[in-house]
Amino acid sequence: MIPKKVLVVIGDAAEALDTMYPFFRIKEEEGYDAVVAAPEKRVYLNSDCPAGVRP
C-alpha cells in the first residue's frame, strides 16, 4: 500500500507555529506523511528547544 502524503507549502514569512502546527497535526493526528515545501531551509530556535527544530 502506498502511504498517503500531504504537501505543506510555507512562504518566506512563515513562523515556527505556522509551520509546525499543521505539520504535526497532519502527521500525528491524521496519519499522513507530511512533506514541507519552502523557498529555503530554516532552523527554528526557541527557549524550549535550544538545539532548534529542523523542518
Protein backbone atom coordinates (compact mmCIF):
# COMPACT_ATOMS: atom_id res chain seq x y z
CA MET A 1 0.00 0.00 0.00
CA ILE A 2 1.32 3.44 -0.93
CA PRO A 3 1.41 5.85 2.05
CA LYS A 4 -0.74 8.95 1.71
CA LYS A 5 1.28 12.17 1.60
CA VAL A 6 0.28 15.77 2.21
CA LEU A 7 2.32 18.71 0.93
CA VAL A 8 2.58 21.59 3.43
CA VAL A 9 3.59 24.73 1.50
CA ILE A 10 5.05 27.61 3.51
CA GLY A 11 6.33 31.02 2.47
CA ASP A 12 9.20 33.31 3.40
CA ALA A 13 7.38 34.94 6.33
CA ALA A 14 6.19 31.72 7.97
CA GLU A 15 6.82 31.46 11.70
CA ALA A 16 7.53 28.28 13.65
CA LEU A 17 3.96 27.82 14.86
CA ASP A 18 2.57 28.40 11.35
CA THR A 19 4.75 25.56 10.10
CA MET A 20 4.94 23.07 12.93
CA TYR A 21 1.26 23.01 13.97
CA PRO A 22 -0.11 21.77 10.62
CA PHE A 23 2.94 19.53 10.12
CA PHE A 24 2.47 17.62 13.37
CA ARG A 25 -1.34 17.69 13.19
CA ILE A 26 -1.31 16.06 9.74
CA LYS A 27 1.43 13.62 10.71
CA GLU A 28 0.32 12.54 14.18
CA GLU A 29 -3.44 13.00 14.27
CA GLU A 30 -4.37 12.16 10.69
CA GLY A 31 -1.63 9.60 10.00
CA TYR A 32 -0.36 11.05 6.71
CA ASP A 33 3.26 11.62 5.70
CA ALA A 34 3.72 15.40 5.81
CA VAL A 35 6.19 16.92 3.34
CA VAL A 36 7.19 20.57 3.79
CA ALA A 37 7.99 22.75 0.75
CA ALA A 38 9.62 26.15 1.33
CA PRO A 39 11.83 28.57 -0.58
CA GLU A 40 14.77 27.83 1.77
CA LYS A 41 15.74 25.60 4.72
CA ARG A 42 15.40 27.23 8.08
CA VAL A 43 16.20 26.31 11.69
CA TYR A 44 13.62 27.40 14.25
CA LEU A 45 15.07 28.27 17.65
CA ASN A 46 13.12 28.78 20.83
CA SER A 47 13.63 28.57 24.58
CA ASP A 48 12.01 25.11 24.85
CA CYS A 49 14.35 23.53 22.32
CA PRO A 50 17.79 25.15 22.28
CA ALA A 51 19.04 22.81 19.55
CA GLY A 52 16.28 24.04 17.22
CA VAL A 53 13.68 22.29 15.14
CA ARG A 54 14.70 21.37 11.62
CA PRO A 55 11.71 21.11 9.27
